[in-house]
Amino acid sequence: ITEAAVKIGVNYLTLYTFSTENWNRPEQEVESLMSLLAYALEKETPTLKQNNVRLRIIGDLAQMPASVRDALDRSMAITSGCTGLTLILALSYSSRWEIVHAAQQIATAVQKGEFPVEAIDAKKFETYLNTKDFPDPDLLIRTGGEIRISNFLLWQSAYSELYFTDEYWPDFREESLYKAIYEYQRRERRFGKISEQL
């Protein structure tokens, strides 16, 4: 999917890789997933660099094992100069955690007198989110036949187009992505306006 996104000129791709809720899975499964993640990072980083893909991470990385954090740091350093697609992995991430974390940071800043409560608006709030350096997603794709977005980018997807498919993520390939984008292109995005205002 990353290579397909590069091919068609997508600028940002965010993959929900591991949620904060996933920590509640059986310990052996979590350990296996962490080992697989570290292995995949080592194996795929040269391909990311070759495709001019910059890797970034959102989520609570304090919970991640040191081996995974080290692999993430190496991959981000190696791809930091890439100027094509930005691949964002959501790791140990949940949108509710992100929003609460942002609110805590803002409350602390107000307590310290850095700015008054009246200065808090949507734009100010967004500067405290993990995604502050990235645009909101235009298209949110949910695989696996689920008709929900499972605590993923709740704030950021306020005006995203949603696309649901019965295909499971391992089966979601290049053609599947193109089909989702084609469906997206057929929609009219009004952002609260009427068609005549666009």
N, C-alpha and C. Protein backbone atom coordinates (compact mmCIF):
# COMPACT_ATOMS: atom_id res chain seq x y z
N ILE A 1 0.84 -1.20 0.00
CA ILE A 1 0.00 0.00 0.00
C ILE A 1 0.87 1.25 0.00
N THR A 2 1.96 1.21 0.77
CA THR A 2 2.86 2.37 0.81
C THR A 2 3.45 2.63 -0.57
N GLU A 3 3.91 1.58 -1.24
CA GLU A 3 4.48 1.75 -2.58
C GLU A 3 3.44 2.23 -3.58
N ALA A 4 2.21 1.73 -3.46
CA ALA A 4 1.12 2.18 -4.34
C ALA A 4 0.82 3.65 -4.10
N ALA A 5 0.82 4.06 -2.82
CA ALA A 5 0.57 5.46 -2.48
C ALA A 5 1.66 6.36 -3.05
N VAL A 6 2.92 5.89 -2.97
CA VAL A 6 4.03 6.65 -3.56
C VAL A 6 3.82 6.80 -5.06
N LYS A 7 3.43 5.72 -5.70
CA LYS A 7 3.27 5.69 -7.16
C LYS A 7 2.26 6.72 -7.65
N ILE A 8 1.19 6.94 -6.89
CA ILE A 8 0.15 7.86 -7.35
C ILE A 8 0.25 9.26 -6.71
N GLY A 9 1.31 9.49 -5.94
CA GLY A 9 1.56 10.84 -5.44
C GLY A 9 0.84 11.22 -4.16
N VAL A 10 0.46 10.24 -3.35
CA VAL A 10 -0.13 10.54 -2.04
C VAL A 10 0.97 11.15 -1.16
N ASN A 11 0.64 12.21 -0.44
CA ASN A 11 1.65 12.89 0.38
C ASN A 11 1.76 12.35 1.80
N TYR A 12 0.62 11.92 2.37
CA TYR A 12 0.60 11.42 3.75
C TYR A 12 -0.23 10.15 3.82
N LEU A 13 0.30 9.14 4.52
CA LEU A 13 -0.40 7.88 4.72
C LEU A 13 -0.23 7.49 6.18
N THR A 14 -1.34 7.36 6.90
CA THR A 14 -1.29 6.98 8.31
C THR A 14 -1.87 5.59 8.46
N LEU A 15 -1.11 4.69 9.08
CA LEU A 15 -1.54 3.32 9.30
C LEU A 15 -1.73 3.08 10.80
N TYR A 16 -2.90 2.61 11.17
CA TYR A 16 -3.19 2.30 12.58
C TYR A 16 -2.54 0.96 12.88
N THR A 17 -1.36 1.00 13.42
CA THR A 17 -0.51 -0.18 13.55
C THR A 17 -0.75 -0.94 14.86
N PHE A 18 -0.93 -0.20 15.96
CA PHE A 18 -1.13 -0.85 17.26
C PHE A 18 -1.81 0.17 18.17
N SER A 19 -3.00 -0.18 18.66
CA SER A 19 -3.75 0.77 19.48
C SER A 19 -3.40 0.61 20.96
N THR A 20 -3.73 1.59 21.77
CA THR A 20 -3.52 1.46 23.21
C THR A 20 -4.35 0.30 23.76
N GLU A 21 -5.49 0.06 23.14
CA GLU A 21 -6.34 -1.06 23.58
C GLU A 21 -5.70 -2.42 23.28
N ASN A 22 -4.83 -2.45 22.27
CA ASN A 22 -4.17 -3.71 21.90
C ASN A 22 -3.23 -4.23 23.00
N TRP A 23 -2.84 -3.35 23.93
CA TRP A 23 -2.01 -3.81 25.05
C TRP A 23 -2.77 -4.82 25.92
N ASN A 24 -4.10 -4.84 25.81
CA ASN A 24 -4.91 -5.76 26.61
C ASN A 24 -4.98 -7.18 26.02
N ARG A 25 -4.38 -7.39 24.87
CA ARG A 25 -4.35 -8.72 24.27
C ARG A 25 -3.44 -9.63 25.09
N PRO A 26 -3.51 -10.96 24.86
CA PRO A 26 -2.64 -11.87 25.60
C PRO A 26 -1.17 -11.46 25.48
N GLU A 27 -0.44 -11.59 26.57
CA GLU A 27 0.95 -11.12 26.64
C GLU A 27 1.83 -11.71 25.54
N GLN A 28 1.66 -13.01 25.29
CA GLN A 28 2.48 -13.66 24.27
C GLN A 28 2.20 -13.07 22.88
N GLU A 29 0.93 -12.75 22.60
CA GLU A 29 0.58 -12.15 21.31
C GLU A 29 1.21 -10.77 21.18
N VAL A 30 1.15 -9.98 22.25
CA VAL A 30 1.74 -8.63 22.22
C VAL A 30 3.24 -8.73 21.99
N GLU A 31 3.90 -9.63 22.69
CA GLU A 31 5.35 -9.80 22.51
C GLU A 31 5.69 -10.19 21.07
N SER A 32 4.89 -11.07 20.50
CA SER A 32 5.10 -11.48 19.11
C SER A 32 4.92 -10.31 18.16
N LEU A 33 3.88 -9.51 18.40
CA LEU A 33 3.63 -8.34 17.54
C LEU A 33 4.77 -7.33 17.64
N MET A 34 5.30 -7.13 18.84
CA MET A 34 6.41 -6.20 19.03
C MET A 34 7.67 -6.70 18.31
N SER A 35 7.93 -8.00 18.40
CA SER A 35 9.09 -8.59 17.71
C SER A 35 8.93 -8.44 16.20
N LEU A 36 7.72 -8.69 15.72
CA LEU A 36 7.44 -8.57 14.29
C LEU A 36 7.62 -7.12 13.82
N LEU A 37 7.19 -6.18 14.65
CA LEU A 37 7.33 -4.76 14.30
C LEU A 37 8.81 -4.38 14.20
N ALA A 38 9.60 -4.78 15.19
CA ALA A 38 11.03 -4.45 15.17
C ALA A 38 11.71 -5.07 13.94
N TYR A 39 11.34 -6.32 13.62
CA TYR A 39 11.90 -7.01 12.46
C TYR A 39 11.51 -6.29 11.17
N ALA A 40 10.22 -5.93 11.06
CA ALA A 40 9.73 -5.27 9.85
C ALA A 40 10.42 -3.92 9.64
N LEU A 41 10.64 -3.20 10.72
CA LEU A 41 11.31 -1.90 10.60
C LEU A 41 12.72 -2.07 10.05
N GLU A 42 13.45 -3.04 10.60
CA GLU A 42 14.82 -3.30 10.13
C GLU A 42 14.82 -3.70 8.66
N LYS A 43 13.87 -4.55 8.29
CA LYS A 43 13.82 -5.09 6.93
C LYS A 43 13.35 -4.06 5.91
N GLU A 44 12.37 -3.23 6.28
CA GLU A 44 11.72 -2.34 5.31
C GLU A 44 12.31 -0.94 5.22
N THR A 45 13.12 -0.55 6.19
CA THR A 45 13.67 0.82 6.17
C THR A 45 14.46 1.12 4.89
N PRO A 46 15.32 0.21 4.40
CA PRO A 46 16.00 0.52 3.13
C PRO A 46 15.02 0.74 1.97
N THR A 47 13.91 -0.01 1.95
CA THR A 47 12.91 0.17 0.90
C THR A 47 12.21 1.51 1.04
N LEU A 48 11.95 1.91 2.29
CA LEU A 48 11.34 3.23 2.52
C LEU A 48 12.26 4.32 1.97
N LYS A 49 13.53 4.23 2.29
CA LYS A 49 14.48 5.25 1.82
C LYS A 49 14.58 5.25 0.30
N GLN A 50 14.62 4.06 -0.27
CA GLN A 50 14.70 3.93 -1.73
C GLN A 50 13.50 4.57 -2.41
N ASN A 51 12.34 4.52 -1.76
CA ASN A 51 11.11 5.11 -2.31
C ASN A 51 10.88 6.55 -1.84
N ASN A 52 11.90 7.14 -1.19
CA ASN A 52 11.83 8.53 -0.73
C ASN A 52 10.71 8.74 0.30
N VAL A 53 10.47 7.73 1.15
CA VAL A 53 9.40 7.76 2.16
C VAL A 53 10.00 8.13 3.52
N ARG A 54 9.44 9.15 4.14
CA ARG A 54 9.87 9.56 5.48
C ARG A 54 8.96 8.91 6.51
N LEU A 55 9.53 8.27 7.51
CA LEU A 55 8.75 7.61 8.56
C LEU A 55 8.56 8.54 9.75
N ARG A 56 7.33 8.63 10.24
CA ARG A 56 7.01 9.37 11.47
C ARG A 56 6.09 8.50 12.31
N ILE A 57 6.02 8.80 13.60
CA ILE A 57 5.25 8.01 14.54
C ILE A 57 4.34 8.91 15.36
N ILE A 58 3.11 8.43 15.64
CA ILE A 58 2.24 9.09 16.61
C ILE A 58 1.82 8.04 17.64
N GLY A 59 1.64 8.47 18.89
CA GLY A 59 1.22 7.55 19.93
C GLY A 59 2.07 7.68 21.18
N ASP A 60 1.75 6.87 22.17
CA ASP A 60 2.43 6.89 23.46
C ASP A 60 3.59 5.90 23.43
N LEU A 61 4.73 6.37 22.94
CA LEU A 61 5.86 5.47 22.75
C LEU A 61 6.53 5.05 24.05
N ALA A 62 6.18 5.70 25.16
CA ALA A 62 6.76 5.32 26.45
C ALA A 62 6.44 3.87 26.79
N GLN A 63 5.31 3.37 26.28
CA GLN A 63 4.91 1.99 26.57
C GLN A 63 5.62 0.96 25.69
N MET A 64 6.24 1.40 24.61
CA MET A 64 6.85 0.47 23.67
C MET A 64 8.14 -0.11 24.24
N PRO A 65 8.44 -1.38 23.95
CA PRO A 65 9.71 -1.96 24.39
C PRO A 65 10.90 -1.19 23.82
N ALA A 66 12.00 -1.20 24.55
CA ALA A 66 13.19 -0.45 24.14
C ALA A 66 13.66 -0.89 22.75
N SER A 67 13.58 -2.19 22.45
CA SER A 67 14.05 -2.69 21.14
C SER A 67 13.24 -2.07 20.00
N VAL A 68 11.93 -1.89 20.22
CA VAL A 68 11.08 -1.29 19.19
C VAL A 68 11.37 0.20 19.08
N ARG A 69 11.51 0.88 20.22
CA ARG A 69 11.82 2.32 20.19
C ARG A 69 13.14 2.56 19.46
N ASP A 70 14.14 1.71 19.72
CA ASP A 70 15.44 1.85 19.04
C ASP A 70 15.29 1.66 17.54
N ALA A 71 14.51 0.64 17.14
CA ALA A 71 14.29 0.39 15.70
C ALA A 71 13.55 1.55 15.06
N LEU A 72 12.57 2.11 15.77
CA LEU A 72 11.83 3.27 15.27
C LEU A 72 12.75 4.47 15.10
N ASP A 73 13.57 4.72 16.12
CA ASP A 73 14.49 5.86 16.07
C ASP A 73 15.46 5.73 14.89
N ARG A 74 15.98 4.52 14.68
CA ARG A 74 16.92 4.30 13.56
C ARG A 74 16.22 4.54 12.22
N SER A 75 15.02 3.98 12.08
CA SER A 75 14.29 4.12 10.82
C SER A 75 13.94 5.58 10.55
N MET A 76 13.50 6.29 11.58
CA MET A 76 13.16 7.71 11.39
C MET A 76 14.40 8.53 11.05
N ALA A 77 15.54 8.20 11.67
CA ALA A 77 16.78 8.93 11.37
C ALA A 77 17.22 8.66 9.92
N ILE A 78 17.15 7.40 9.50
CA ILE A 78 17.58 7.03 8.15
C ILE A 78 16.69 7.68 7.08
N THR A 79 15.40 7.82 7.36
CA THR A 79 14.47 8.36 6.36
C THR A 79 14.18 9.85 6.56
N SER A 80 14.84 10.48 7.52
CA SER A 80 14.51 11.88 7.86
C SER A 80 14.71 12.85 6.69
N GLY A 81 15.63 12.54 5.79
CA GLY A 81 15.88 13.43 4.66
C GLY A 81 14.98 13.18 3.45
N CYS A 82 14.12 12.17 3.55
CA CYS A 82 13.25 11.85 2.42
C CYS A 82 12.17 12.92 2.27
N THR A 83 11.83 13.21 1.02
CA THR A 83 10.92 14.33 0.74
C THR A 83 9.63 13.92 0.04
N GLY A 84 9.42 12.62 -0.13
CA GLY A 84 8.20 12.15 -0.79
C GLY A 84 7.10 11.91 0.22
N LEU A 85 6.48 10.77 0.15
CA LEU A 85 5.40 10.38 1.05
C LEU A 85 5.88 10.38 2.50
N THR A 86 5.05 10.91 3.40
CA THR A 86 5.28 10.75 4.84
C THR A 86 4.40 9.61 5.31
N LEU A 87 5.04 8.55 5.79
CA LEU A 87 4.34 7.38 6.32
C LEU A 87 4.28 7.53 7.83
N ILE A 88 3.05 7.62 8.36
CA ILE A 88 2.85 7.82 9.79
C ILE A 88 2.30 6.53 10.39
N LEU A 89 3.05 5.94 11.31
CA LEU A 89 2.57 4.75 12.01
C LEU A 89 1.95 5.19 13.34
N ALA A 90 0.70 4.81 13.56
CA ALA A 90 0.03 5.06 14.84
C ALA A 90 0.32 3.86 15.73
N LEU A 91 1.20 4.06 16.71
CA LEU A 91 1.66 2.97 17.58
C LEU A 91 1.33 3.30 19.03
N SER A 92 0.74 2.34 19.73
CA SER A 92 0.29 2.59 21.09
C SER A 92 -0.53 3.89 21.10
N TYR A 93 -1.42 3.96 20.13
CA TYR A 93 -2.19 5.18 19.87
C TYR A 93 -3.68 4.93 20.08
N SER A 94 -4.34 5.91 20.65
CA SER A 94 -5.80 5.99 20.62
C SER A 94 -6.16 7.46 20.61
N SER A 95 -7.20 7.80 19.90
CA SER A 95 -7.58 9.20 19.77
C SER A 95 -8.01 9.80 21.10
N ARG A 96 -8.72 9.03 21.91
CA ARG A 96 -9.13 9.55 23.22
C ARG A 96 -7.91 9.85 24.08
N TRP A 97 -6.90 8.95 24.05
CA TRP A 97 -5.66 9.22 24.78
C TRP A 97 -5.03 10.51 24.28
N GLU A 98 -4.97 10.68 22.95
CA GLU A 98 -4.35 11.86 22.36
C GLU A 98 -5.06 13.14 22.80
N ILE A 99 -6.39 13.12 22.78
CA ILE A 99 -7.17 14.30 23.14
C ILE A 99 -7.01 14.64 24.62
N VAL A 100 -7.07 13.62 25.47
CA VAL A 100 -6.89 13.84 26.91
C VAL A 100 -5.48 14.37 27.18
N HIS A 101 -4.48 13.78 26.52
CA HIS A 101 -3.09 14.22 26.68
C HIS A 101 -2.94 15.69 26.27
N ALA A 102 -3.56 16.06 25.16
CA ALA A 102 -3.51 17.45 24.71
C ALA A 102 -4.18 18.38 25.73
N ALA A 103 -5.32 17.96 26.26
CA ALA A 103 -6.03 18.78 27.26
C ALA A 103 -5.18 18.96 28.51
N GLN A 104 -4.48 17.91 28.94
CA GLN A 104 -3.60 18.01 30.11
C GLN A 104 -2.46 19.00 29.86
N GLN A 105 -1.87 18.93 28.67
CA GLN A 105 -0.78 19.85 28.33
C GLN A 105 -1.26 21.30 28.29
N ILE A 106 -2.44 21.50 27.74
CA ILE A 106 -3.00 22.85 27.67
C ILE A 106 -3.30 23.38 29.08
N ALA A 107 -3.88 22.52 29.93
CA ALA A 107 -4.19 22.93 31.30
C ALA A 107 -2.91 23.32 32.04
N THR A 108 -1.85 22.56 31.84
CA THR A 108 -0.56 22.87 32.47
C THR A 108 -0.03 24.21 31.97
N ALA A 109 -0.13 24.45 30.67
CA ALA A 109 0.34 25.71 30.10
C ALA A 109 -0.45 26.90 30.65
N VAL A 110 -1.77 26.73 30.79
CA VAL A 110 -2.61 27.80 31.35
C VAL A 110 -2.23 28.05 32.81
N GLN A 111 -2.02 26.97 33.57
CA GLN A 111 -1.62 27.11 34.98
C GLN A 111 -0.30 27.87 35.12
N LYS A 112 0.62 27.64 34.18
CA LYS A 112 1.92 28.31 34.20
C LYS A 112 1.84 29.75 33.70
N GLY A 113 0.66 30.15 33.21
CA GLY A 113 0.49 31.51 32.71
C GLY A 113 1.02 31.74 31.31
N GLU A 114 1.21 30.65 30.56
CA GLU A 114 1.74 30.80 29.20
C GLU A 114 0.75 31.44 28.25
N PHE A 115 -0.54 31.24 28.49
CA PHE A 115 -1.61 31.92 27.74
C PHE A 115 -2.90 31.78 28.55
N PRO A 116 -3.86 32.70 28.32
CA PRO A 116 -5.12 32.64 29.06
C PRO A 116 -6.08 31.60 28.48
N VAL A 117 -7.05 31.19 29.28
CA VAL A 117 -8.05 30.22 28.83
C VAL A 117 -8.72 30.71 27.55
N GLU A 118 -8.96 32.00 27.45
CA GLU A 118 -9.65 32.57 26.29
C GLU A 118 -8.88 32.37 24.98
N ALA A 119 -7.59 32.07 25.08
CA ALA A 119 -6.78 31.87 23.88
C ALA A 119 -6.97 30.48 23.27
N ILE A 120 -7.68 29.60 24.00
CA ILE A 120 -7.86 28.23 23.51
C ILE A 120 -9.00 28.18 22.50
N ASP A 121 -8.67 27.83 21.28
CA ASP A 121 -9.66 27.59 20.24
C ASP A 121 -9.23 26.31 19.50
N ALA A 122 -9.93 25.95 18.45
CA ALA A 122 -9.62 24.71 17.74
C ALA A 122 -8.19 24.70 17.21
N LYS A 123 -7.74 25.84 16.66
CA LYS A 123 -6.39 25.90 16.10
C LYS A 123 -5.33 25.73 17.18
N LYS A 124 -5.56 26.36 18.32
CA LYS A 124 -4.62 26.24 19.44
C LYS A 124 -4.59 24.80 19.93
N PHE A 125 -5.78 24.19 20.07
CA PHE A 125 -5.88 22.82 20.54
C PHE A 125 -5.11 21.87 19.64
N GLU A 126 -5.22 22.07 18.32
CA GLU A 126 -4.57 21.18 17.36
C GLU A 126 -3.05 21.20 17.49
N THR A 127 -2.49 22.30 18.00
CA THR A 127 -1.03 22.37 18.15
C THR A 127 -0.53 21.46 19.26
N TYR A 128 -1.44 20.92 20.05
CA TYR A 128 -1.06 19.99 21.13
C TYR A 128 -1.35 18.54 20.78
N LEU A 129 -1.87 18.28 19.60
CA LEU A 129 -2.13 16.92 19.17
C LEU A 129 -0.87 16.28 18.58
N ASN A 130 -0.79 14.95 18.60
CA ASN A 130 0.34 14.23 18.01
C ASN A 130 0.49 14.55 16.53
N THR A 131 -0.60 14.91 15.89
CA THR A 131 -0.63 15.11 14.44
C THR A 131 -0.42 16.57 14.04
N LYS A 132 0.09 17.39 14.95
CA LYS A 132 0.20 18.83 14.68
C LYS A 132 1.01 19.16 13.43
N ASP A 133 1.90 18.26 13.03
CA ASP A 133 2.74 18.51 11.86
C ASP A 133 2.15 17.98 10.56
N PHE A 134 0.95 17.39 10.63
CA PHE A 134 0.37 16.73 9.46
C PHE A 134 -1.02 17.30 9.17
N PRO A 135 -1.43 17.28 7.90
CA PRO A 135 -2.80 17.71 7.58
C PRO A 135 -3.82 16.65 8.02
N ASP A 136 -5.07 17.08 8.18
CA ASP A 136 -6.14 16.13 8.49
C ASP A 136 -6.32 15.19 7.30
N PRO A 137 -6.71 13.95 7.56
CA PRO A 137 -6.88 13.00 6.45
C PRO A 137 -8.08 13.34 5.58
N ASP A 138 -7.90 13.23 4.27
CA ASP A 138 -9.02 13.41 3.34
C ASP A 138 -9.89 12.17 3.29
N LEU A 139 -9.25 11.01 3.39
CA LEU A 139 -9.95 9.73 3.24
C LEU A 139 -9.53 8.79 4.36
N LEU A 140 -10.51 8.20 5.04
CA LEU A 140 -10.24 7.22 6.08
C LEU A 140 -10.81 5.88 5.62
N ILE A 141 -9.94 4.90 5.47
CA ILE A 141 -10.34 3.57 4.98
C ILE A 141 -10.36 2.60 6.15
N ARG A 142 -11.48 1.90 6.31
CA ARG A 142 -11.60 0.88 7.36
C ARG A 142 -11.78 -0.48 6.68
N THR A 143 -10.85 -1.38 6.94
CA THR A 143 -10.90 -2.72 6.35
C THR A 143 -11.57 -3.70 7.31
N GLY A 144 -11.73 -4.93 6.85
CA GLY A 144 -12.17 -6.02 7.70
C GLY A 144 -13.66 -6.12 7.97
N GLY A 145 -14.46 -5.36 7.24
CA GLY A 145 -15.91 -5.46 7.40
C GLY A 145 -16.47 -4.75 8.61
N GLU A 146 -15.63 -4.06 9.38
CA GLU A 146 -16.11 -3.31 10.54
C GLU A 146 -16.67 -1.95 10.08
N ILE A 147 -17.77 -1.54 10.69
CA ILE A 147 -18.38 -0.25 10.33
C ILE A 147 -18.19 0.71 11.51
N ARG A 148 -16.95 0.96 11.85
CA ARG A 148 -16.59 1.89 12.92
C ARG A 148 -15.16 2.35 12.69
N ILE A 149 -14.75 3.42 13.38
CA ILE A 149 -13.38 3.90 13.18
C ILE A 149 -12.49 3.64 14.39
N SER A 150 -13.01 2.98 15.40
CA SER A 150 -12.21 2.39 16.47
C SER A 150 -11.18 3.33 17.09
N ASN A 151 -11.63 4.51 17.52
CA ASN A 151 -10.77 5.39 18.31
C ASN A 151 -9.54 5.87 17.53
N PHE A 152 -9.71 6.08 16.23
CA PHE A 152 -8.61 6.47 15.35
C PHE A 152 -8.84 7.86 14.79
N LEU A 153 -7.97 8.80 15.10
CA LEU A 153 -7.99 10.15 14.55
C LEU A 153 -9.40 10.78 14.63
N LEU A 154 -10.02 10.71 15.78
CA LEU A 154 -11.40 11.21 15.93
C LEU A 154 -11.48 12.71 15.66
N TRP A 155 -10.57 13.47 16.21
CA TRP A 155 -10.56 14.92 16.00
C TRP A 155 -10.25 15.23 14.54
N GLN A 156 -9.22 14.58 14.02
CA GLN A 156 -8.70 14.89 12.70
C GLN A 156 -9.63 14.45 11.57
N SER A 157 -10.47 13.45 11.82
CA SER A 157 -11.32 12.92 10.75
C SER A 157 -12.71 13.56 10.72
N ALA A 158 -12.87 14.70 11.37
CA ALA A 158 -14.18 15.36 11.44
C ALA A 158 -14.78 15.57 10.05
N TYR A 159 -13.96 15.86 9.04
CA TYR A 159 -14.45 16.06 7.68
C TYR A 159 -13.83 15.08 6.69
N SER A 160 -13.29 13.99 7.19
CA SER A 160 -12.75 12.96 6.29
C SER A 160 -13.88 12.21 5.63
N GLU A 161 -13.64 11.77 4.41
CA GLU A 161 -14.56 10.85 3.76
C GLU A 161 -14.26 9.44 4.28
N LEU A 162 -15.30 8.70 4.62
CA LEU A 162 -15.13 7.36 5.18
C LEU A 162 -15.40 6.31 4.11
N TYR A 163 -14.56 5.29 4.10
CA TYR A 163 -14.70 4.20 3.13
C TYR A 163 -14.56 2.89 3.89
N PHE A 164 -15.57 2.03 3.80
CA PHE A 164 -15.57 0.76 4.49
C PHE A 164 -15.52 -0.38 3.47
N THR A 165 -14.71 -1.38 3.77
CA THR A 165 -14.58 -2.53 2.88
C THR A 165 -14.55 -3.82 3.70
N ASP A 166 -15.06 -4.89 3.12
CA ASP A 166 -15.04 -6.19 3.79
C ASP A 166 -13.67 -6.86 3.70
N GLU A 167 -12.80 -6.36 2.84
CA GLU A 167 -11.46 -6.94 2.71
C GLU A 167 -10.68 -6.77 4.01
N TYR A 168 -9.98 -7.83 4.41
CA TYR A 168 -9.10 -7.72 5.57
C TYR A 168 -7.81 -7.03 5.15
N TRP A 169 -7.14 -6.42 6.10
CA TRP A 169 -5.94 -5.63 5.79
C TRP A 169 -4.90 -6.43 5.00
N PRO A 170 -4.61 -7.70 5.34
CA PRO A 170 -3.59 -8.41 4.54
C PRO A 170 -3.99 -8.58 3.07
N ASP A 171 -5.29 -8.57 2.78
CA ASP A 171 -5.77 -8.74 1.40
C ASP A 171 -5.95 -7.40 0.68
N PHE A 172 -5.84 -6.30 1.40
CA PHE A 172 -6.05 -4.97 0.83
C PHE A 172 -4.79 -4.56 0.09
N ARG A 173 -4.85 -4.60 -1.23
CA ARG A 173 -3.68 -4.38 -2.07
C ARG A 173 -3.83 -3.13 -2.92
N GLU A 174 -2.94 -2.98 -3.88
CA GLU A 174 -2.88 -1.79 -4.73
C GLU A 174 -4.24 -1.49 -5.39
N GLU A 175 -4.84 -2.50 -6.01
CA GLU A 175 -6.13 -2.29 -6.68
C GLU A 175 -7.21 -1.86 -5.69
N SER A 176 -7.15 -2.40 -4.48
CA SER A 176 -8.12 -2.05 -3.44
C SER A 176 -7.99 -0.57 -3.08
N LEU A 177 -6.76 -0.11 -2.98
CA LEU A 177 -6.52 1.30 -2.67
C LEU A 177 -7.05 2.19 -3.78
N TYR A 178 -6.78 1.81 -5.03
CA TYR A 178 -7.26 2.61 -6.16
C TYR A 178 -8.78 2.67 -6.19
N LYS A 179 -9.42 1.57 -5.85
CA LYS A 179 -10.89 1.53 -5.81
C LYS A 179 -11.41 2.50 -4.75
N ALA A 180 -10.78 2.52 -3.58
CA ALA A 180 -11.18 3.43 -2.50
C ALA A 180 -10.99 4.89 -2.92
N ILE A 181 -9.86 5.17 -3.58
CA ILE A 181 -9.59 6.54 -4.01
C ILE A 181 -10.56 6.96 -5.11
N TYR A 182 -10.88 6.05 -6.02
CA TYR A 182 -11.85 6.35 -7.07
C TYR A 182 -13.21 6.71 -6.45
N GLU A 183 -13.62 5.94 -5.45
CA GLU A 183 -14.88 6.23 -4.76
C GLU A 183 -14.81 7.60 -4.10
N TYR A 184 -13.69 7.91 -3.48
CA TYR A 184 -13.48 9.22 -2.84
C TYR A 184 -13.58 10.35 -3.87
N GLN A 185 -13.00 10.15 -5.03
CA GLN A 185 -12.99 11.19 -6.06
C GLN A 185 -14.39 11.49 -6.59
N ARG A 186 -15.29 10.54 -6.47
CA ARG A 186 -16.66 10.73 -6.97
C ARG A 186 -17.53 11.52 -5.99
N ARG A 187 -17.04 11.76 -4.79
CA ARG A 187 -17.83 12.45 -3.77
C ARG A 187 -17.61 13.96 -3.82
N GLU A 188 -18.61 14.67 -3.36
CA GLU A 188 -18.51 16.12 -3.28
C GLU A 188 -18.26 16.50 -1.83
N ARG A 189 -17.14 17.16 -1.59
CA ARG A 189 -16.77 17.56 -0.22
C ARG A 189 -17.17 19.01 -0.03
N ARG A 190 -18.15 19.25 0.85
CA ARG A 190 -18.71 20.60 1.00
C ARG A 190 -18.27 21.32 2.27
N PHE A 191 -17.80 20.60 3.28
CA PHE A 191 -17.33 21.23 4.52
C PHE A 191 -18.37 22.19 5.09
N GLY A 192 -19.64 21.78 5.08
CA GLY A 192 -20.70 22.59 5.66
C GLY A 192 -21.37 23.56 4.69
N LYS A 193 -20.80 23.69 3.49
CA LYS A 193 -21.37 24.61 2.50
C LYS A 193 -22.35 23.86 1.60
N ILE A 194 -22.97 24.58 0.69
CA ILE A 194 -23.83 23.95 -0.31
C ILE A 194 -23.05 23.87 -1.62
N SER A 195 -23.50 23.02 -2.53
CA SER A 195 -22.76 22.79 -3.78
C SER A 195 -22.44 24.07 -4.53
N GLU A 196 -23.40 25.01 -4.54
CA GLU A 196 -23.21 26.24 -5.31
C GLU A 196 -22.09 27.13 -4.76
N GLN A 197 -21.71 26.90 -3.51
CA GLN A 197 -20.64 27.71 -2.92
C GLN A 197 -19.25 27.19 -3.23
N LEU A 198 -19.17 25.99 -3.77
CA LEU A 198 -17.85 25.39 -4.01
C LEU A 198 -17.21 25.90 -5.29
